Amino acid sequence: MALEELKDNLSEVDRNVRAYLENTEEYYKLRGFKLAMRGISSLVKLLLMGSIALLALFMLSFALAYGIGQWLNNIFLGFLIVGGIYILFGIGCYLFRSKLDKPLLKKFSDYYFD
């Protein structure tokens, strides 16, 4: 009789462990899907907003270069000045690139561990 109860308890434990493992697997699949969708939607938003901002920046840069060129009576010099400003901005971003690591790490860790 005790052996029969032990056998029943072991089979119930086996069923419970299997159910737990299946539920845990489903949970991690859902968590992975949630993280993937957050990443994809963030990437799409970033690409969309980035392309709009880049187009606006291009138009404003063109207008600024043309305006400086007319002010100096030399269109080429206006475009050269605006190009130089962008080169200086790029060098500044390159020099301070290590300062971006901490905020990026914090932002992405919030997404991952949420």
PDB file of N, CA and C in Angstrom:
ATOM      1  N   MET A   1       0.813  -1.190   0.000  1.00  0.00           N
ATOM      2  CA  MET A   1       0.000   0.000   0.000  1.00  0.00           C
ATOM      3  C   MET A   1       0.864   1.265   0.000  1.00  0.00           C
ATOM      4  N   ALA A   2       1.874   1.325   0.852  1.00  0.00           N
ATOM      5  CA  ALA A   2       2.751   2.488   0.918  1.00  0.00           C
ATOM      6  C   ALA A   2       3.536   2.628  -0.382  1.00  0.00           C
ATOM      7  N   LEU A   3       3.890   1.497  -0.955  1.00  0.00           N
ATOM      8  CA  LEU A   3       4.619   1.525  -2.224  1.00  0.00           C
ATOM      9  C   LEU A   3       3.747   2.090  -3.347  1.00  0.00           C
ATOM     10  N   GLU A   4       2.486   1.746  -3.308  1.00  0.00           N
ATOM     11  CA  GLU A   4       1.527   2.259  -4.307  1.00  0.00           C
ATOM     12  C   GLU A   4       1.349   3.773  -4.166  1.00  0.00           C
ATOM     13  N   GLU A   5       1.270   4.285  -2.934  1.00  0.00           N
ATOM     14  CA  GLU A   5       1.141   5.727  -2.706  1.00  0.00           C
ATOM     15  C   GLU A   5       2.403   6.463  -3.148  1.00  0.00           C
ATOM     16  N   LEU A   6       3.554   5.856  -2.880  1.00  0.00           N
ATOM     17  CA  LEU A   6       4.816   6.459  -3.294  1.00  0.00           C
ATOM     18  C   LEU A   6       4.896   6.527  -4.818  1.00  0.00           C
ATOM     19  N   LYS A   7       4.438   5.480  -5.479  1.00  0.00           N
ATOM     20  CA  LYS A   7       4.432   5.450  -6.939  1.00  0.00           C
ATOM     21  C   LYS A   7       3.488   6.525  -7.485  1.00  0.00           C
ATOM     22  N   ASP A   8       2.335   6.681  -6.885  1.00  0.00           N
ATOM     23  CA  ASP A   8       1.390   7.717  -7.313  1.00  0.00           C
ATOM     24  C   ASP A   8       1.968   9.123  -7.087  1.00  0.00           C
ATOM     25  N   ASN A   9       2.608   9.305  -5.935  1.00  0.00           N
ATOM     26  CA  ASN A   9       3.214  10.613  -5.640  1.00  0.00           C
ATOM     27  C   ASN A   9       4.337  10.933  -6.631  1.00  0.00           C
ATOM     28  N   LEU A  10       5.126   9.938  -6.970  1.00  0.00           N
ATOM     29  CA  LEU A  10       6.217  10.162  -7.916  1.00  0.00           C
ATOM     30  C   LEU A  10       5.687  10.481  -9.313  1.00  0.00           C
ATOM     31  N   SER A  11       4.635   9.818  -9.724  1.00  0.00           N
ATOM     32  CA  SER A  11       4.072  10.115 -11.038  1.00  0.00           C
ATOM     33  C   SER A  11       3.434  11.505 -11.043  1.00  0.00           C
ATOM     34  N   GLU A  12       2.845  11.911  -9.910  1.00  0.00           N
ATOM     35  CA  GLU A  12       2.282  13.259  -9.817  1.00  0.00           C
ATOM     36  C   GLU A  12       3.387  14.311  -9.830  1.00  0.00           C
ATOM     37  N   VAL A  13       4.487  14.040  -9.148  1.00  0.00           N
ATOM     38  CA  VAL A  13       5.629  14.952  -9.157  1.00  0.00           C
ATOM     39  C   VAL A  13       6.176  15.076 -10.582  1.00  0.00           C
ATOM     40  N   ASP A  14       6.252  13.940 -11.271  1.00  0.00           N
ATOM     41  CA  ASP A  14       6.736  13.951 -12.650  1.00  0.00           C
ATOM     42  C   ASP A  14       5.830  14.810 -13.536  1.00  0.00           C
ATOM     43  N   ARG A  15       4.520  14.679 -13.396  1.00  0.00           N
ATOM     44  CA  ARG A  15       3.590  15.491 -14.182  1.00  0.00           C
ATOM     45  C   ARG A  15       3.730  16.974 -13.843  1.00  0.00           C
ATOM     46  N   ASN A  16       3.886  17.267 -12.550  1.00  0.00           N
ATOM     47  CA  ASN A  16       4.035  18.662 -12.133  1.00  0.00           C
ATOM     48  C   ASN A  16       5.336  19.278 -12.664  1.00  0.00           C
ATOM     49  N   VAL A  17       6.405  18.508 -12.639  1.00  0.00           N
ATOM     50  CA  VAL A  17       7.684  19.009 -13.148  1.00  0.00           C
ATOM     51  C   VAL A  17       7.589  19.248 -14.641  1.00  0.00           C
ATOM     52  N   ARG A  18       6.979  18.333 -15.368  1.00  0.00           N
ATOM     53  CA  ARG A  18       6.816  18.506 -16.815  1.00  0.00           C
ATOM     54  C   ARG A  18       5.951  19.742 -17.124  1.00  0.00           C
ATOM     55  N   ALA A  19       4.869  19.916 -16.374  1.00  0.00           N
ATOM     56  CA  ALA A  19       4.004  21.083 -16.581  1.00  0.00           C
ATOM     57  C   ALA A  19       4.763  22.369 -16.273  1.00  0.00           C
ATOM     58  N   TYR A  20       5.559  22.335 -15.205  1.00  0.00           N
ATOM     59  CA  TYR A  20       6.364  23.511 -14.856  1.00  0.00           C
ATOM     60  C   TYR A  20       7.352  23.847 -15.964  1.00  0.00           C
ATOM     61  N   LEU A  21       8.032  22.850 -16.487  1.00  0.00           N
ATOM     62  CA  LEU A  21       9.005  23.073 -17.553  1.00  0.00           C
ATOM     63  C   LEU A  21       8.336  23.600 -18.817  1.00  0.00           C
ATOM     64  N   GLU A  22       7.163  23.071 -19.161  1.00  0.00           N
ATOM     65  CA  GLU A  22       6.442  23.556 -20.338  1.00  0.00           C
ATOM     66  C   GLU A  22       6.012  25.008 -20.151  1.00  0.00           C
ATOM     67  N   ASN A  23       5.499  25.326 -18.956  1.00  0.00           N
ATOM     68  CA  ASN A  23       5.073  26.706 -18.683  1.00  0.00           C
ATOM     69  C   ASN A  23       6.264  27.660 -18.684  1.00  0.00           C
ATOM     70  N   THR A  24       7.387  27.219 -18.132  1.00  0.00           N
ATOM     71  CA  THR A  24       8.584  28.046 -18.114  1.00  0.00           C
ATOM     72  C   THR A  24       9.075  28.294 -19.533  1.00  0.00           C
ATOM     73  N   GLU A  25       9.025  27.270 -20.370  1.00  0.00           N
ATOM     74  CA  GLU A  25       9.428  27.419 -21.767  1.00  0.00           C
ATOM     75  C   GLU A  25       8.523  28.424 -22.485  1.00  0.00           C
ATOM     76  N   GLU A  26       7.235  28.332 -22.266  1.00  0.00           N
ATOM     77  CA  GLU A  26       6.296  29.272 -22.881  1.00  0.00           C
ATOM     78  C   GLU A  26       6.537  30.697 -22.390  1.00  0.00           C
ATOM     79  N   TYR A  27       6.842  30.828 -21.098  1.00  0.00           N
ATOM     80  CA  TYR A  27       7.113  32.148 -20.539  1.00  0.00           C
ATOM     81  C   TYR A  27       8.321  32.774 -21.227  1.00  0.00           C
ATOM     82  N   TYR A  28       9.381  32.023 -21.369  1.00  0.00           N
ATOM     83  CA  TYR A  28      10.582  32.571 -21.999  1.00  0.00           C
ATOM     84  C   TYR A  28      10.377  32.834 -23.484  1.00  0.00           C
ATOM     85  N   LYS A  29       9.546  32.059 -24.141  1.00  0.00           N
ATOM     86  CA  LYS A  29       9.218  32.360 -25.537  1.00  0.00           C
ATOM     87  C   LYS A  29       8.479  33.696 -25.622  1.00  0.00           C
ATOM     88  N   LEU A  30       7.516  33.899 -24.737  1.00  0.00           N
ATOM     89  CA  LEU A  30       6.764  35.160 -24.730  1.00  0.00           C
ATOM     90  C   LEU A  30       7.663  36.338 -24.364  1.00  0.00           C
ATOM     91  N   ARG A  31       8.550  36.133 -23.406  1.00  0.00           N
ATOM     92  CA  ARG A  31       9.478  37.199 -23.008  1.00  0.00           C
ATOM     93  C   ARG A  31      10.406  37.549 -24.169  1.00  0.00           C
ATOM     94  N   GLY A  32      10.902  36.535 -24.857  1.00  0.00           N
ATOM     95  CA  GLY A  32      11.754  36.772 -26.016  1.00  0.00           C
ATOM     96  C   GLY A  32      11.019  37.514 -27.113  1.00  0.00           C
ATOM     97  N   PHE A  33       9.764  37.128 -27.345  1.00  0.00           N
ATOM     98  CA  PHE A  33       8.948  37.810 -28.356  1.00  0.00           C
ATOM     99  C   PHE A  33       8.734  39.271 -27.969  1.00  0.00           C
ATOM    100  N   LYS A  34       8.446  39.514 -26.692  1.00  0.00           N
ATOM    101  CA  LYS A  34       8.235  40.881 -26.213  1.00  0.00           C
ATOM    102  C   LYS A  34       9.493  41.723 -26.419  1.00  0.00           C
ATOM    103  N   LEU A  35      10.652  41.181 -26.068  1.00  0.00           N
ATOM    104  CA  LEU A  35      11.900  41.918 -26.240  1.00  0.00           C
ATOM    105  C   LEU A  35      12.207  42.158 -27.717  1.00  0.00           C
ATOM    106  N   ALA A  36      11.958  41.148 -28.540  1.00  0.00           N
ATOM    107  CA  ALA A  36      12.212  41.299 -29.973  1.00  0.00           C
ATOM    108  C   ALA A  36      11.296  42.367 -30.573  1.00  0.00           C
ATOM    109  N   MET A  37      10.037  42.367 -30.196  1.00  0.00           N
ATOM    110  CA  MET A  37       9.099  43.355 -30.740  1.00  0.00           C
ATOM    111  C   MET A  37       9.440  44.763 -30.255  1.00  0.00           C
ATOM    112  N   ARG A  38       9.872  44.886 -29.013  1.00  0.00           N
ATOM    113  CA  ARG A  38      10.297  46.197 -28.533  1.00  0.00           C
ATOM    114  C   ARG A  38      11.488  46.697 -29.337  1.00  0.00           C
ATOM    115  N   GLY A  39      12.435  45.804 -29.567  1.00  0.00           N
ATOM    116  CA  GLY A  39      13.615  46.175 -30.336  1.00  0.00           C
ATOM    117  C   GLY A  39      13.271  46.546 -31.759  1.00  0.00           C
ATOM    118  N   ILE A  40      12.432  45.756 -32.400  1.00  0.00           N
ATOM    119  CA  ILE A  40      12.053  46.028 -33.791  1.00  0.00           C
ATOM    120  C   ILE A  40      11.260  47.323 -33.898  1.00  0.00           C
ATOM    121  N   SER A  41      10.310  47.522 -32.981  1.00  0.00           N
ATOM    122  CA  SER A  41       9.521  48.760 -33.049  1.00  0.00           C
ATOM    123  C   SER A  41      10.395  49.974 -32.752  1.00  0.00           C
ATOM    124  N   SER A  42      11.339  49.847 -31.840  1.00  0.00           N
ATOM    125  CA  SER A  42      12.252  50.961 -31.570  1.00  0.00           C
ATOM    126  C   SER A  42      13.130  51.242 -32.778  1.00  0.00           C
ATOM    127  N   LEU A  43      13.577  50.189 -33.450  1.00  0.00           N
ATOM    128  CA  LEU A  43      14.402  50.366 -34.640  1.00  0.00           C
ATOM    129  C   LEU A  43      13.622  51.042 -35.762  1.00  0.00           C
ATOM    130  N   VAL A  44      12.376  50.629 -35.967  1.00  0.00           N
ATOM    131  CA  VAL A  44      11.555  51.236 -37.013  1.00  0.00           C
ATOM    132  C   VAL A  44      11.299  52.714 -36.700  1.00  0.00           C
ATOM    133  N   LYS A  45      10.977  53.010 -35.440  1.00  0.00           N
ATOM    134  CA  LYS A  45      10.768  54.410 -35.055  1.00  0.00           C
ATOM    135  C   LYS A  45      12.034  55.224 -35.249  1.00  0.00           C
ATOM    136  N   LEU A  46      13.166  54.650 -34.850  1.00  0.00           N
ATOM    137  CA  LEU A  46      14.434  55.342 -34.989  1.00  0.00           C
ATOM    138  C   LEU A  46      14.754  55.605 -36.456  1.00  0.00           C
ATOM    139  N   LEU A  47      14.544  54.614 -37.309  1.00  0.00           N
ATOM    140  CA  LEU A  47      14.811  54.804 -38.732  1.00  0.00           C
ATOM    141  C   LEU A  47      13.878  55.840 -39.349  1.00  0.00           C
ATOM    142  N   LEU A  48      12.618  55.796 -38.987  1.00  0.00           N
ATOM    143  CA  LEU A  48      11.658  56.753 -39.537  1.00  0.00           C
ATOM    144  C   LEU A  48      11.973  58.177 -39.083  1.00  0.00           C
ATOM    145  N   MET A  49      12.132  58.356 -37.792  1.00  0.00           N
ATOM    146  CA  MET A  49      12.420  59.692 -37.278  1.00  0.00           C
ATOM    147  C   MET A  49      13.797  60.166 -37.726  1.00  0.00           C
ATOM    148  N   GLY A  50      14.752  59.253 -37.797  1.00  0.00           N
ATOM    149  CA  GLY A  50      16.090  59.620 -38.243  1.00  0.00           C
ATOM    150  C   GLY A  50      16.109  60.065 -39.686  1.00  0.00           C
ATOM    151  N   SER A  51      15.350  59.374 -40.536  1.00  0.00           N
ATOM    152  CA  SER A  51      15.333  59.762 -41.945  1.00  0.00           C
ATOM    153  C   SER A  51      14.638  61.116 -42.137  1.00  0.00           C
ATOM    154  N   ILE A  52      13.586  61.362 -41.387  1.00  0.00           N
ATOM    155  CA  ILE A  52      12.911  62.668 -41.471  1.00  0.00           C
ATOM    156  C   ILE A  52      13.835  63.774 -40.961  1.00  0.00           C
ATOM    157  N   ALA A  53      14.516  63.512 -39.840  1.00  0.00           N
ATOM    158  CA  ALA A  53      15.436  64.506 -39.285  1.00  0.00           C
ATOM    159  C   ALA A  53      16.616  64.740 -40.231  1.00  0.00           C
ATOM    160  N   LEU A  54      17.100  63.681 -40.848  1.00  0.00           N
ATOM    161  CA  LEU A  54      18.211  63.820 -41.781  1.00  0.00           C
ATOM    162  C   LEU A  54      17.806  64.634 -43.009  1.00  0.00           C
ATOM    163  N   LEU A  55      16.611  64.415 -43.493  1.00  0.00           N
ATOM    164  CA  LEU A  55      16.117  65.191 -44.631  1.00  0.00           C
ATOM    165  C   LEU A  55      15.972  66.668 -44.257  1.00  0.00           C
ATOM    166  N   ALA A  56      15.430  66.920 -43.067  1.00  0.00           N
ATOM    167  CA  ALA A  56      15.283  68.310 -42.607  1.00  0.00           C
ATOM    168  C   ALA A  56      16.658  68.954 -42.421  1.00  0.00           C
ATOM    169  N   LEU A  57      17.595  68.218 -41.848  1.00  0.00           N
ATOM    170  CA  LEU A  57      18.943  68.745 -41.657  1.00  0.00           C
ATOM    171  C   LEU A  57      19.615  69.035 -42.993  1.00  0.00           C
ATOM    172  N   PHE A  58      19.398  68.177 -43.967  1.00  0.00           N
ATOM    173  CA  PHE A  58      19.958  68.395 -45.300  1.00  0.00           C
ATOM    174  C   PHE A  58      19.423  69.690 -45.903  1.00  0.00           C
ATOM    175  N   MET A  59      18.120  69.889 -45.816  1.00  0.00           N
ATOM    176  CA  MET A  59      17.522  71.095 -46.393  1.00  0.00           C
ATOM    177  C   MET A  59      17.996  72.356 -45.654  1.00  0.00           C
ATOM    178  N   LEU A  60      18.047  72.281 -44.325  1.00  0.00           N
ATOM    179  CA  LEU A  60      18.510  73.439 -43.559  1.00  0.00           C
ATOM    180  C   LEU A  60      19.988  73.728 -43.838  1.00  0.00           C
ATOM    181  N   SER A  61      20.784  72.695 -43.975  1.00  0.00           N
ATOM    182  CA  SER A  61      22.203  72.881 -44.286  1.00  0.00           C
ATOM    183  C   SER A  61      22.384  73.505 -45.660  1.00  0.00           C
ATOM    184  N   PHE A  62      21.595  73.044 -46.596  1.00  0.00           N
ATOM    185  CA  PHE A  62      21.660  73.595 -47.946  1.00  0.00           C
ATOM    186  C   PHE A  62      21.300  75.084 -47.923  1.00  0.00           C
ATOM    187  N   ALA A  63      20.231  75.411 -47.199  1.00  0.00           N
ATOM    188  CA  ALA A  63      19.805  76.816 -47.106  1.00  0.00           C
ATOM    189  C   ALA A  63      20.860  77.658 -46.393  1.00  0.00           C
ATOM    190  N   LEU A  64      21.441  77.126 -45.315  1.00  0.00           N
ATOM    191  CA  LEU A  64      22.461  77.858 -44.582  1.00  0.00           C
ATOM    192  C   LEU A  64      23.697  78.087 -45.455  1.00  0.00           C
ATOM    193  N   ALA A  65      24.121  77.054 -46.157  1.00  0.00           N
ATOM    194  CA  ALA A  65      25.304  77.183 -47.016  1.00  0.00           C
ATOM    195  C   ALA A  65      25.047  78.187 -48.133  1.00  0.00           C
ATOM    196  N   TYR A  66      23.888  78.119 -48.710  1.00  0.00           N
ATOM    197  CA  TYR A  66      23.552  79.062 -49.791  1.00  0.00           C
ATOM    198  C   TYR A  66      23.469  80.491 -49.251  1.00  0.00           C
ATOM    199  N   GLY A  67      22.883  80.644 -48.061  1.00  0.00           N
ATOM    200  CA  GLY A  67      22.779  81.979 -47.447  1.00  0.00           C
ATOM    201  C   GLY A  67      24.138  82.550 -47.100  1.00  0.00           C
ATOM    202  N   ILE A  68      25.020  81.735 -46.520  1.00  0.00           N
ATOM    203  CA  ILE A  68      26.376  82.203 -46.206  1.00  0.00           C
ATOM    204  C   ILE A  68      27.112  82.555 -47.498  1.00  0.00           C
ATOM    205  N   GLY A  69      26.903  81.725 -48.517  1.00  0.00           N
ATOM    206  CA  GLY A  69      27.549  81.983 -49.800  1.00  0.00           C
ATOM    207  C   GLY A  69      27.113  83.303 -50.413  1.00  0.00           C
ATOM    208  N   GLN A  70      25.842  83.606 -50.338  1.00  0.00           N
ATOM    209  CA  GLN A  70      25.365  84.882 -50.870  1.00  0.00           C
ATOM    210  C   GLN A  70      25.882  86.047 -50.038  1.00  0.00           C
ATOM    211  N   TRP A  71      25.959  85.868 -48.732  1.00  0.00           N
ATOM    212  CA  TRP A  71      26.451  86.918 -47.853  1.00  0.00           C
ATOM    213  C   TRP A  71      27.924  87.212 -48.136  1.00  0.00           C
ATOM    214  N   LEU A  72      28.691  86.168 -48.463  1.00  0.00           N
ATOM    215  CA  LEU A  72      30.118  86.343 -48.764  1.00  0.00           C
ATOM    216  C   LEU A  72      30.380  86.574 -50.254  1.00  0.00           C
ATOM    217  N   ASN A  73      29.338  86.570 -51.060  1.00  0.00           N
ATOM    218  CA  ASN A  73      29.440  86.681 -52.522  1.00  0.00           C
ATOM    219  C   ASN A  73      30.269  85.552 -53.130  1.00  0.00           C
ATOM    220  N   ASN A  74      30.239  84.386 -52.488  1.00  0.00           N
ATOM    221  CA  ASN A  74      30.952  83.217 -52.997  1.00  0.00           C
ATOM    222  C   ASN A  74      30.212  81.969 -52.501  1.00  0.00           C
ATOM    223  N   ILE A  75      29.393  81.372 -53.352  1.00  0.00           N
ATOM    224  CA  ILE A  75      28.567  80.226 -52.970  1.00  0.00           C
ATOM    225  C   ILE A  75      29.448  79.050 -52.521  1.00  0.00           C
ATOM    226  N   PHE A  76      30.541  78.833 -53.244  1.00  0.00           N
ATOM    227  CA  PHE A  76      31.436  77.727 -52.904  1.00  0.00           C
ATOM    228  C   PHE A  76      31.955  77.857 -51.480  1.00  0.00           C
ATOM    229  N   LEU A  77      32.320  79.057 -51.087  1.00  0.00           N
ATOM    230  CA  LEU A  77      32.826  79.287 -49.734  1.00  0.00           C
ATOM    231  C   LEU A  77      31.757  79.018 -48.682  1.00  0.00           C
ATOM    232  N   GLY A  78      30.514  79.333 -48.975  1.00  0.00           N
ATOM    233  CA  GLY A  78      29.414  79.048 -48.052  1.00  0.00           C
ATOM    234  C   GLY A  78      29.264  77.554 -47.817  1.00  0.00           C
ATOM    235  N   PHE A  79      29.310  76.775 -48.893  1.00  0.00           N
ATOM    236  CA  PHE A  79      29.215  75.319 -48.745  1.00  0.00           C
ATOM    237  C   PHE A  79      30.436  74.757 -48.028  1.00  0.00           C
ATOM    238  N   LEU A  80      31.589  75.345 -48.266  1.00  0.00           N
ATOM    239  CA  LEU A  80      32.806  74.912 -47.607  1.00  0.00           C
ATOM    240  C   LEU A  80      32.738  75.169 -46.101  1.00  0.00           C
ATOM    241  N   ILE A  81      32.207  76.297 -45.708  1.00  0.00           N
ATOM    242  CA  ILE A  81      32.073  76.631 -44.287  1.00  0.00           C
ATOM    243  C   ILE A  81      31.112  75.667 -43.597  1.00  0.00           C
ATOM    244  N   VAL A  82      29.970  75.399 -44.215  1.00  0.00           N
ATOM    245  CA  VAL A  82      29.006  74.467 -43.619  1.00  0.00           C
ATOM    246  C   VAL A  82      29.606  73.062 -43.534  1.00  0.00           C
ATOM    247  N   GLY A  83      30.328  72.645 -44.563  1.00  0.00           N
ATOM    248  CA  GLY A  83      31.008  71.350 -44.522  1.00  0.00           C
ATOM    249  C   GLY A  83      32.031  71.288 -43.409  1.00  0.00           C
ATOM    250  N   GLY A  84      32.770  72.372 -43.208  1.00  0.00           N
ATOM    251  CA  GLY A  84      33.749  72.436 -42.120  1.00  0.00           C
ATOM    252  C   GLY A  84      33.093  72.344 -40.756  1.00  0.00           C
ATOM    253  N   ILE A  85      31.934  72.982 -40.625  1.00  0.00           N
ATOM    254  CA  ILE A  85      31.191  72.896 -39.351  1.00  0.00           C
ATOM    255  C   ILE A  85      30.807  71.444 -39.067  1.00  0.00           C
ATOM    256  N   TYR A  86      30.347  70.735 -40.096  1.00  0.00           N
ATOM    257  CA  TYR A  86      29.985  69.328 -39.903  1.00  0.00           C
ATOM    258  C   TYR A  86      31.206  68.467 -39.592  1.00  0.00           C
ATOM    259  N   ILE A  87      32.331  68.774 -40.176  1.00  0.00           N
ATOM    260  CA  ILE A  87      33.546  68.017 -39.859  1.00  0.00           C
ATOM    261  C   ILE A  87      33.941  68.249 -38.407  1.00  0.00           C
ATOM    262  N   LEU A  88      33.879  69.491 -37.937  1.00  0.00           N
ATOM    263  CA  LEU A  88      34.184  69.780 -36.529  1.00  0.00           C
ATOM    264  C   LEU A  88      33.200  69.087 -35.595  1.00  0.00           C
ATOM    265  N   PHE A  89      31.941  69.074 -35.975  1.00  0.00           N
ATOM    266  CA  PHE A  89      30.925  68.387 -35.172  1.00  0.00           C
ATOM    267  C   PHE A  89      31.222  66.882 -35.119  1.00  0.00           C
ATOM    268  N   GLY A  90      31.601  66.303 -36.245  1.00  0.00           N
ATOM    269  CA  GLY A  90      31.937  64.883 -36.289  1.00  0.00           C
ATOM    270  C   GLY A  90      33.151  64.556 -35.435  1.00  0.00           C
ATOM    271  N   ILE A  91      34.164  65.408 -35.463  1.00  0.00           N
ATOM    272  CA  ILE A  91      35.353  65.205 -34.627  1.00  0.00           C
ATOM    273  C   ILE A  91      34.978  65.292 -33.154  1.00  0.00           C
ATOM    274  N   GLY A  92      34.125  66.249 -32.805  1.00  0.00           N
ATOM    275  CA  GLY A  92      33.667  66.370 -31.418  1.00  0.00           C
ATOM    276  C   GLY A  92      32.913  65.126 -30.960  1.00  0.00           C
ATOM    277  N   CYS A  93      32.050  64.608 -31.816  1.00  0.00           N
ATOM    278  CA  CYS A  93      31.320  63.383 -31.474  1.00  0.00           C
ATOM    279  C   CYS A  93      32.276  62.211 -31.307  1.00  0.00           C
ATOM    280  N   TYR A  94      33.289  62.146 -32.150  1.00  0.00           N
ATOM    281  CA  TYR A  94      34.272  61.062 -32.057  1.00  0.00           C
ATOM    282  C   TYR A  94      35.054  61.147 -30.751  1.00  0.00           C
ATOM    283  N   LEU A  95      35.422  62.353 -30.357  1.00  0.00           N
ATOM    284  CA  LEU A  95      36.203  62.514 -29.134  1.00  0.00           C
ATOM    285  C   LEU A  95      35.395  62.199 -27.876  1.00  0.00           C
ATOM    286  N   PHE A  96      34.113  62.477 -27.900  1.00  0.00           N
ATOM    287  CA  PHE A  96      33.270  62.259 -26.723  1.00  0.00           C
ATOM    288  C   PHE A  96      32.401  61.017 -26.845  1.00  0.00           C
ATOM    289  N   ARG A  97      32.789  60.068 -27.687  1.00  0.00           N
ATOM    290  CA  ARG A  97      31.986  58.863 -27.907  1.00  0.00           C
ATOM    291  C   ARG A  97      31.909  57.982 -26.662  1.00  0.00           C
ATOM    292  N   SER A  98      32.932  58.018 -25.813  1.00  0.00           N
ATOM    293  CA  SER A  98      32.911  57.187 -24.604  1.00  0.00           C
ATOM    294  C   SER A  98      31.865  57.682 -23.602  1.00  0.00           C
ATOM    295  N   LYS A  99      31.496  58.936 -23.690  1.00  0.00           N
ATOM    296  CA  LYS A  99      30.469  59.491 -22.788  1.00  0.00           C
ATOM    297  C   LYS A  99      29.082  58.944 -23.114  1.00  0.00           C
ATOM    298  N   LEU A 100      28.910  58.385 -24.314  1.00  0.00           N
ATOM    299  CA  LEU A 100      27.610  57.843 -24.722  1.00  0.00           C
ATOM    300  C   LEU A 100      27.362  56.441 -24.178  1.00  0.00           C
ATOM    301  N   ASP A 101      28.404  55.744 -23.751  1.00  0.00           N
ATOM    302  CA  ASP A 101      28.263  54.354 -23.325  1.00  0.00           C
ATOM    303  C   ASP A 101      27.346  54.206 -22.118  1.00  0.00           C
ATOM    304  N   LYS A 102      27.545  55.031 -21.106  1.00  0.00           N
ATOM    305  CA  LYS A 102      26.769  54.895 -19.871  1.00  0.00           C
ATOM    306  C   LYS A 102      25.271  55.122 -20.090  1.00  0.00           C
ATOM    307  N   PRO A 103      24.844  56.212 -20.759  1.00  0.00           N
ATOM    308  CA  PRO A 103      23.397  56.387 -20.977  1.00  0.00           C
ATOM    309  C   PRO A 103      22.791  55.299 -21.860  1.00  0.00           C
ATOM    310  N   LEU A 104      23.539  54.853 -22.879  1.00  0.00           N
ATOM    311  CA  LEU A 104      23.022  53.789 -23.738  1.00  0.00           C
ATOM    312  C   LEU A 104      22.875  52.487 -22.970  1.00  0.00           C
ATOM    313  N   LEU A 105      23.873  52.157 -22.150  1.00  0.00           N
ATOM    314  CA  LEU A 105      23.809  50.938 -21.354  1.00  0.00           C
ATOM    315  C   LEU A 105      22.634  50.984 -20.383  1.00  0.00           C
ATOM    316  N   LYS A 106      22.403  52.132 -19.769  1.00  0.00           N
ATOM    317  CA  LYS A 106      21.285  52.272 -18.831  1.00  0.00           C
ATOM    318  C   LYS A 106      19.951  52.119 -19.557  1.00  0.00           C
ATOM    319  N   LYS A 107      19.819  52.740 -20.722  1.00  0.00           N
ATOM    320  CA  LYS A 107      18.564  52.690 -21.473  1.00  0.00           C
ATOM    321  C   LYS A 107      18.248  51.259 -21.910  1.00  0.00           C
ATOM    322  N   PHE A 108      19.239  50.570 -22.473  1.00  0.00           N
ATOM    323  CA  PHE A 108      18.989  49.216 -22.953  1.00  0.00           C
ATOM    324  C   PHE A 108      18.834  48.215 -21.819  1.00  0.00           C
ATOM    325  N   SER A 109      19.478  48.463 -20.655  1.00  0.00           N
ATOM    326  CA  SER A 109      19.275  47.564 -19.530  1.00  0.00           C
ATOM    327  C   SER A 109      17.859  47.720 -18.979  1.00  0.00           C
ATOM    328  N   ASP A 110      17.303  48.933 -19.048  1.00  0.00           N
ATOM    329  CA  ASP A 110      15.903  49.127 -18.646  1.00  0.00           C
ATOM    330  C   ASP A 110      14.962  48.314 -19.535  1.00  0.00           C
ATOM    331  N   TYR A 111      15.229  48.307 -20.838  1.00  0.00           N
ATOM    332  CA  TYR A 111      14.421  47.508 -21.761  1.00  0.00           C
ATOM    333  C   TYR A 111      14.569  46.021 -21.490  1.00  0.00           C
ATOM    334  N   TYR A 112      15.799  45.567 -21.275  1.00  0.00           N
ATOM    335  CA  TYR A 112      16.048  44.133 -21.144  1.00  0.00           C
ATOM    336  C   TYR A 112      15.520  43.580 -19.827  1.00  0.00           C
ATOM    337  N   PHE A 113      15.747  44.295 -18.744  1.00  0.00           N
ATOM    338  CA  PHE A 113      15.381  43.774 -17.420  1.00  0.00           C
ATOM    339  C   PHE A 113      14.004  44.186 -16.978  1.00  0.00           C
ATOM    340  N   ASP A 114      13.218  44.821 -17.843  1.00  0.00           N
ATOM    341  CA  ASP A 114      11.844  45.215 -17.519  1.00  0.00           C
ATOM    342  C   ASP A 114      10.944  44.005 -17.507  1.00  0.00           C
TER     343      ASP A 114
END
